[in-house]
Amino acid sequence: MGNLIKVLGKDLENCPHFFLDFENAQPTEAETAVWNQVSAVLEEAHGILAELQSYNGAGQEIREAIQNPGDLQLQEKAWNAVCPLVAKLKRFYEFSLRLENALRSLLEALTSPPYAPMQHLEREQALAKQFAEILHFTLSFDELKMTNPAIQNDFSYYRRTISRNRLNNQQLEAENEVNNEMANRMSLFYAEATPMLKTLSNATTKFVSENKTLPIEDTTDCLSTMACVCRVMLETPEYRCRFTNTDTMLFCMRVMVGVIILYDHVHPVGAFAKTSKIDMKGCIKVLKDQPSNSVEGLLNALRYTTRHLNDDSTSKQIRALLQ
């Protein structure tokens, strides 16, 4: 356990305190098969985020086409601007399906008997790091999507144009790439405020329901342990000083928020109840101790994408912290 450093002298309560090496963890022989499978998916993640970040949309072309419905040249210009963008949106959607499968493989590896979730995270740090990378990508993707209304505007225009031409018995070449069934699935995906997070929470819920011999606690304990480890690393100077990359702090915060949201969707009473294994006050405090411009998106994710925040079982103190 070279990368695992226990902090002695702390009141551990029920929370594990160890350094999870998000920067340098390498797979052991036992982890290699799953690691390679997930790595092939994660290799695409950076490119997907870069494409989304540079997504400018076809707003001007669409406006001109709508304002001049009789001008065929403007209609064609808008259509030619939207089609490559829709192809890009299709790639994003298809990547979400691959990400879902990768998450499932990691959940199987990190919850399988005979080890407890904390033992898995200690023994299989490279897989834990990949799990963290999926969550980091997910929250990064959703933050970019939420601030880019062009995505839904472009796709709505695409669907309206397809429907109009279908009524006129015209088949457009773009339909061969995004047929009606694919368009319906993409529409549901992009209608979500946080589509990637929704994909992961659905996948985690499905994993729990399909693995009836696996106690639900094995999955939720994996998530709560990861949240705790992230919180402790963020609030412990001995750990923070080991981060060699300035982005690791934000990475750690995104991962913490991601696992909290997944826990809240999967656990029957959620992350905010008194019986929750996640110290929500501590996690929120860690976020609020950072510059607001770097964490507002994460606080909003807790406010608006969790399931149980507004339950009666949530303390007024926690609600007040997220006001």
Protein backbone atom coordinates (compact mmCIF):
# COMPACT_ATOMS: atom_id res chain seq x y z
CA MET A 1 0.00 0.00 0.00
CA GLY A 2 2.74 2.44 -0.96
CA ASN A 3 0.32 5.22 -1.81
CA LEU A 4 -1.89 4.62 1.18
CA ILE A 5 -0.93 6.82 4.10
CA LYS A 6 -2.99 6.56 7.22
CA VAL A 7 -3.29 9.70 9.30
CA LEU A 8 -2.76 8.79 12.94
CA GLY A 9 -4.01 10.79 15.86
CA LYS A 10 -7.25 11.83 14.16
CA ASP A 11 -10.71 10.95 15.36
CA LEU A 12 -11.52 8.53 12.58
CA GLU A 13 -15.15 8.02 13.55
CA ASN A 14 -16.44 5.85 10.70
CA CYS A 15 -14.61 7.70 7.97
CA PRO A 16 -11.47 6.23 6.39
CA HIS A 17 -8.55 8.64 6.17
CA PHE A 18 -6.12 7.77 3.44
CA PHE A 19 -4.44 9.29 0.42
CA LEU A 20 -5.96 8.09 -2.83
CA ASP A 21 -3.36 8.84 -5.47
CA PHE A 22 -5.43 10.45 -8.22
CA GLU A 23 -2.28 11.62 -9.98
CA ASN A 24 -0.04 8.56 -10.16
CA ALA A 25 -1.97 5.33 -9.37
CA GLN A 26 -0.97 2.52 -11.75
CA PRO A 27 -2.88 -0.75 -12.30
CA THR A 28 -1.76 -3.95 -10.63
CA GLU A 29 -1.92 -7.18 -12.59
CA ALA A 30 -5.34 -7.97 -11.07
CA GLU A 31 -6.72 -4.62 -12.25
CA THR A 32 -5.28 -4.66 -15.77
CA ALA A 33 -8.18 -6.23 -17.70
CA VAL A 34 -10.82 -3.80 -16.40
CA TRP A 35 -8.35 -0.89 -16.45
CA ASN A 36 -7.59 -1.44 -20.16
CA GLN A 37 -11.30 -1.62 -21.03
CA VAL A 38 -12.11 1.61 -19.17
CA SER A 39 -8.95 3.35 -20.38
CA ALA A 40 -10.05 2.89 -24.00
CA VAL A 41 -13.21 4.88 -23.19
CA LEU A 42 -11.50 7.55 -21.10
CA GLU A 43 -8.99 8.25 -23.87
CA GLU A 44 -11.83 9.92 -25.77
CA ALA A 45 -13.07 12.01 -22.85
CA HIS A 46 -10.63 14.91 -23.24
CA GLY A 47 -11.49 15.26 -26.94
CA ILE A 48 -15.22 15.21 -26.18
CA LEU A 49 -14.84 18.03 -23.63
CA ALA A 50 -12.70 20.06 -26.04
CA GLU A 51 -15.35 19.68 -28.77
CA LEU A 52 -18.13 20.68 -26.38
CA GLN A 53 -16.15 23.66 -25.12
CA SER A 54 -15.73 24.95 -28.69
CA TYR A 55 -19.38 24.27 -29.63
CA ASN A 56 -20.71 27.61 -30.89
CA GLY A 57 -23.96 26.49 -32.47
CA ALA A 58 -25.77 27.70 -35.59
CA GLY A 59 -27.88 30.38 -33.91
CA GLN A 60 -27.40 33.09 -36.51
CA GLU A 61 -28.07 30.81 -39.49
CA ILE A 62 -31.19 29.40 -37.79
CA ARG A 63 -32.54 32.88 -36.98
CA GLU A 64 -32.07 34.05 -40.55
CA ALA A 65 -33.78 30.94 -41.91
CA ILE A 66 -36.76 31.32 -39.55
CA GLN A 67 -37.12 35.03 -40.32
CA ASN A 68 -37.04 34.35 -44.08
CA PRO A 69 -39.00 31.11 -44.59
CA GLY A 70 -39.30 31.69 -48.35
CA ASP A 71 -35.58 32.12 -48.93
CA LEU A 72 -34.37 28.66 -49.95
CA GLN A 73 -30.75 29.73 -49.91
CA LEU A 74 -30.98 30.72 -46.25
CA GLN A 75 -32.84 27.46 -45.45
CA GLU A 76 -30.04 25.48 -47.04
CA LYS A 77 -27.37 27.53 -45.28
CA ALA A 78 -28.98 26.84 -41.89
CA TRP A 79 -29.38 23.15 -42.66
CA ASN A 80 -25.75 22.83 -43.77
CA ALA A 81 -24.64 24.58 -40.56
CA VAL A 82 -26.77 22.38 -38.27
CA CYS A 83 -26.04 18.93 -39.75
CA PRO A 84 -22.37 18.65 -38.73
CA LEU A 85 -23.31 19.94 -35.27
CA VAL A 86 -25.98 17.26 -34.89
CA ALA A 87 -23.41 14.65 -35.95
CA LYS A 88 -21.23 15.98 -33.13
CA LEU A 89 -24.14 15.76 -30.65
CA LYS A 90 -24.68 12.18 -31.75
CA ARG A 91 -21.04 11.38 -30.94
CA PHE A 92 -21.48 12.88 -27.48
CA TYR A 93 -24.61 10.80 -26.90
CA GLU A 94 -22.95 7.59 -28.11
CA PHE A 95 -20.00 8.31 -25.82
CA SER A 96 -22.41 8.46 -22.87
CA LEU A 97 -23.44 4.86 -23.64
CA ARG A 98 -19.80 3.74 -23.66
CA LEU A 99 -19.24 5.62 -20.41
CA GLU A 100 -22.22 3.82 -18.89
CA ASN A 101 -20.66 0.44 -19.73
CA ALA A 102 -17.31 1.54 -18.33
CA LEU A 103 -18.96 2.60 -15.06
CA ARG A 104 -20.67 -0.76 -14.80
CA SER A 105 -17.35 -2.60 -15.19
CA LEU A 106 -15.81 -0.47 -12.44
CA LEU A 107 -18.76 -0.96 -10.09
CA GLU A 108 -18.49 -4.73 -10.58
CA ALA A 109 -14.78 -4.64 -9.80
CA LEU A 110 -15.03 -2.29 -6.80
CA THR A 111 -17.96 -4.05 -5.08
CA SER A 112 -17.21 -7.73 -5.75
CA PRO A 113 -16.83 -10.17 -2.83
CA PRO A 114 -14.93 -10.99 -0.69
CA TYR A 115 -13.56 -7.49 -0.11
CA ALA A 116 -15.40 -4.58 1.46
CA PRO A 117 -15.63 -1.34 -0.56
CA MET A 118 -12.90 0.37 1.49
CA GLN A 119 -10.57 -2.59 0.90
CA HIS A 120 -11.27 -2.37 -2.83
CA LEU A 121 -10.40 1.34 -2.91
CA GLU A 122 -7.19 0.61 -0.98
CA ARG A 123 -6.18 -2.37 -3.11
CA GLU A 124 -7.33 -1.11 -6.52
CA GLN A 125 -6.34 2.53 -6.58
CA ALA A 126 -5.95 2.63 -10.37
CA LEU A 127 -9.59 1.57 -10.80
CA ALA A 128 -10.67 4.04 -8.12
CA LYS A 129 -8.80 6.72 -10.08
CA GLN A 130 -10.67 5.75 -13.28
CA PHE A 131 -13.96 5.89 -11.42
CA ALA A 132 -12.97 9.37 -10.28
CA GLU A 133 -12.02 10.35 -13.85
CA ILE A 134 -15.46 9.29 -15.11
CA LEU A 135 -17.12 11.47 -12.45
CA HIS A 136 -14.80 14.39 -13.20
CA PHE A 137 -15.61 14.14 -16.92
CA THR A 138 -19.33 13.86 -16.17
CA LEU A 139 -19.56 17.01 -14.08
CA SER A 140 -17.29 18.91 -16.49
CA PHE A 141 -19.45 17.89 -19.46
CA ASP A 142 -22.69 18.82 -17.70
CA GLU A 143 -21.36 22.21 -16.56
CA LEU A 144 -20.48 23.05 -20.19
CA LYS A 145 -23.81 21.74 -21.49
CA MET A 146 -25.86 23.72 -18.95
CA THR A 147 -24.27 26.97 -20.05
CA ASN A 148 -24.73 26.35 -23.78
CA PRO A 149 -28.37 26.77 -24.93
CA ALA A 150 -27.24 26.40 -28.56
CA ILE A 151 -27.17 22.62 -28.13
CA GLN A 152 -30.91 22.24 -27.63
CA ASN A 153 -31.73 25.05 -30.07
CA ASP A 154 -29.71 23.38 -32.84
CA PHE A 155 -31.20 19.97 -32.19
CA SER A 156 -34.76 21.34 -32.02
CA TYR A 157 -34.28 23.07 -35.37
CA TYR A 158 -32.88 19.84 -36.84
CA ARG A 159 -35.89 17.83 -35.66
CA ARG A 160 -38.39 20.42 -36.89
CA THR A 161 -36.76 20.46 -40.32
CA ILE A 162 -36.75 16.66 -40.53
CA SER A 163 -40.45 16.53 -39.54
CA ARG A 164 -41.40 19.23 -42.04
CA ASN A 165 -39.63 17.44 -44.87
CA ARG A 166 -41.13 14.11 -43.88
CA LEU A 167 -44.59 15.68 -44.18
CA ASN A 168 -43.57 16.79 -47.66
CA ASN A 169 -42.32 13.27 -48.46
CA GLN A 170 -38.73 14.45 -48.69
CA GLN A 171 -35.93 12.28 -47.31
CA LEU A 172 -32.88 14.25 -46.22
CA GLU A 173 -29.44 12.68 -46.37
CA ALA A 174 -28.74 13.56 -42.72
CA GLU A 175 -31.51 11.18 -41.63
CA ASN A 176 -29.27 8.29 -42.60
CA GLU A 177 -26.92 9.31 -39.79
CA VAL A 178 -29.50 10.33 -37.17
CA ASN A 179 -32.71 8.41 -37.83
CA ASN A 180 -35.97 9.02 -35.99
CA GLU A 181 -35.30 6.47 -33.24
CA MET A 182 -31.81 7.87 -32.58
CA ALA A 183 -33.21 11.42 -32.64
CA ASN A 184 -35.81 10.46 -30.00
CA ARG A 185 -33.13 9.01 -27.70
CA MET A 186 -30.86 12.00 -28.20
CA SER A 187 -33.77 14.33 -27.51
CA LEU A 188 -34.41 12.67 -24.12
CA PHE A 189 -30.69 12.82 -23.33
CA TYR A 190 -30.25 16.53 -24.10
CA ALA A 191 -33.54 17.48 -22.43
CA GLU A 192 -31.88 16.66 -19.09
CA ALA A 193 -30.18 19.57 -17.33
CA THR A 194 -27.26 17.25 -16.52
CA PRO A 195 -27.43 14.45 -19.10
CA MET A 196 -24.18 12.65 -18.30
CA LEU A 197 -24.94 12.62 -14.57
CA LYS A 198 -28.41 11.28 -15.29
CA THR A 199 -26.84 8.53 -17.41
CA LEU A 200 -24.49 7.53 -14.58
CA SER A 201 -27.17 7.64 -11.87
CA ASN A 202 -29.49 5.50 -14.02
CA ALA A 203 -26.63 3.06 -14.68
CA THR A 204 -25.80 2.83 -10.97
CA THR A 205 -29.44 2.28 -10.02
CA LYS A 206 -29.73 -0.38 -12.72
CA PHE A 207 -26.54 -2.06 -11.50
CA VAL A 208 -27.99 -2.31 -7.98
CA SER A 209 -31.36 -3.63 -9.17
CA GLU A 210 -29.81 -6.25 -11.48
CA ASN A 211 -27.34 -7.56 -8.88
CA LYS A 212 -29.82 -8.82 -6.33
CA THR A 213 -27.26 -11.05 -4.59
CA LEU A 214 -25.07 -8.00 -3.95
CA PRO A 215 -26.25 -5.98 -0.94
CA ILE A 216 -27.10 -2.41 -1.94
CA GLU A 217 -24.79 -1.27 0.88
CA ASP A 218 -21.79 -2.60 -1.06
CA THR A 219 -22.49 -0.08 -3.81
CA THR A 220 -23.50 2.83 -1.58
CA ASP A 221 -20.56 2.19 0.77
CA CYS A 222 -18.22 2.38 -2.20
CA LEU A 223 -19.68 5.79 -3.05
CA SER A 224 -19.74 7.12 0.53
CA THR A 225 -16.16 5.96 1.12
CA MET A 226 -15.00 7.76 -2.02
CA ALA A 227 -16.82 10.94 -0.91
CA CYS A 228 -15.20 10.73 2.50
CA VAL A 229 -11.72 10.12 1.11
CA CYS A 230 -12.05 13.15 -1.19
CA ARG A 231 -13.30 15.37 1.64
CA VAL A 232 -10.49 14.34 3.97
CA MET A 233 -7.83 14.86 1.29
CA LEU A 234 -9.23 18.33 0.58
CA GLU A 235 -9.32 19.45 4.22
CA THR A 236 -6.05 17.84 5.36
CA PRO A 237 -2.91 19.94 4.67
CA GLU A 238 -0.65 16.84 4.81
CA TYR A 239 -2.57 15.44 1.85
CA ARG A 240 -3.10 18.64 -0.12
CA CYS A 241 0.64 19.32 -0.17
CA ARG A 242 1.12 16.01 -1.99
CA PHE A 243 -0.88 17.23 -4.99
CA THR A 244 1.68 18.13 -7.65
CA ASN A 245 -0.90 19.40 -10.17
CA THR A 246 -2.88 22.56 -9.41
CA ASP A 247 -5.97 21.05 -11.06
CA THR A 248 -6.10 18.12 -8.62
CA MET A 249 -8.01 20.16 -6.02
CA LEU A 250 -10.84 20.85 -8.46
CA PHE A 251 -10.67 17.24 -9.67
CA CYS A 252 -11.10 16.05 -6.07
CA MET A 253 -14.05 18.40 -5.47
CA ARG A 254 -15.81 17.29 -8.66
CA VAL A 255 -15.36 13.64 -7.74
CA MET A 256 -16.69 14.24 -4.22
CA VAL A 257 -19.81 15.95 -5.57
CA GLY A 258 -20.29 13.27 -8.22
CA VAL A 259 -20.28 10.39 -5.75
CA ILE A 260 -22.59 12.31 -3.38
CA ILE A 261 -25.14 12.71 -6.19
CA LEU A 262 -24.86 9.05 -7.21
CA TYR A 263 -25.25 8.00 -3.56
CA ASP A 264 -28.30 10.22 -3.20
CA HIS A 265 -29.92 8.63 -6.26
CA VAL A 266 -29.15 5.03 -5.30
CA HIS A 267 -29.51 4.96 -1.51
CA PRO A 268 -33.13 4.54 -0.30
CA VAL A 269 -32.96 7.55 2.07
CA GLY A 270 -30.26 9.48 0.24
CA ALA A 271 -27.18 11.47 1.18
CA PHE A 272 -28.82 14.20 3.31
CA ALA A 273 -30.52 12.10 6.00
CA LYS A 274 -29.02 11.82 9.50
CA THR A 275 -28.38 8.12 8.85
CA SER A 276 -26.33 8.88 5.71
CA LYS A 277 -22.74 7.68 5.77
CA ILE A 278 -21.64 10.92 4.09
CA ASP A 279 -20.77 13.95 6.21
CA MET A 280 -22.74 16.43 4.10
CA LYS A 281 -21.97 19.43 6.33
CA GLY A 282 -18.26 18.71 6.04
CA CYS A 283 -18.44 18.23 2.27
CA ILE A 284 -20.39 21.46 1.73
CA LYS A 285 -18.01 23.36 4.02
CA VAL A 286 -15.02 22.13 2.00
CA LEU A 287 -16.65 23.49 -1.16
CA LYS A 288 -17.60 26.80 0.43
CA ASP A 289 -14.02 27.31 1.62
CA GLN A 290 -12.94 27.57 -2.04
CA PRO A 291 -13.29 30.63 -4.33
CA SER A 292 -16.98 30.83 -5.30
CA ASN A 293 -16.30 31.05 -9.04
CA SER A 294 -14.64 27.61 -8.99
CA VAL A 295 -17.33 25.80 -6.98
CA GLU A 296 -20.66 27.48 -7.80
CA GLY A 297 -21.37 24.89 -10.50
CA LEU A 298 -20.68 22.09 -8.01
CA LEU A 299 -22.91 23.64 -5.35
CA ASN A 300 -25.64 24.01 -7.99
CA ALA A 301 -25.23 20.33 -8.86
CA LEU A 302 -25.95 19.48 -5.20
CA ARG A 303 -28.89 21.90 -5.13
CA TYR A 304 -30.58 20.84 -8.34
CA THR A 305 -29.53 17.32 -9.36
CA THR A 306 -29.83 15.43 -6.06
CA ARG A 307 -33.02 13.55 -5.23
CA HIS A 308 -33.45 13.92 -1.46
CA LEU A 309 -32.30 17.46 -0.58
CA ASN A 310 -35.87 18.68 -0.06
CA ASP A 311 -37.01 15.62 1.90
CA ASP A 312 -38.36 16.18 5.43
CA SER A 313 -35.45 14.12 6.75
CA THR A 314 -32.92 16.73 5.56
CA SER A 315 -31.87 19.03 8.41
CA LYS A 316 -32.56 22.74 8.18
CA GLN A 317 -28.87 23.36 8.75
CA ILE A 318 -27.87 21.48 5.60
CA ARG A 319 -30.58 23.22 3.57
CA ALA A 320 -29.37 26.57 4.87
CA LEU A 321 -25.81 25.75 3.83
CA LEU A 322 -27.00 25.23 0.27
CA GLN A 323 -29.19 28.36 0.14
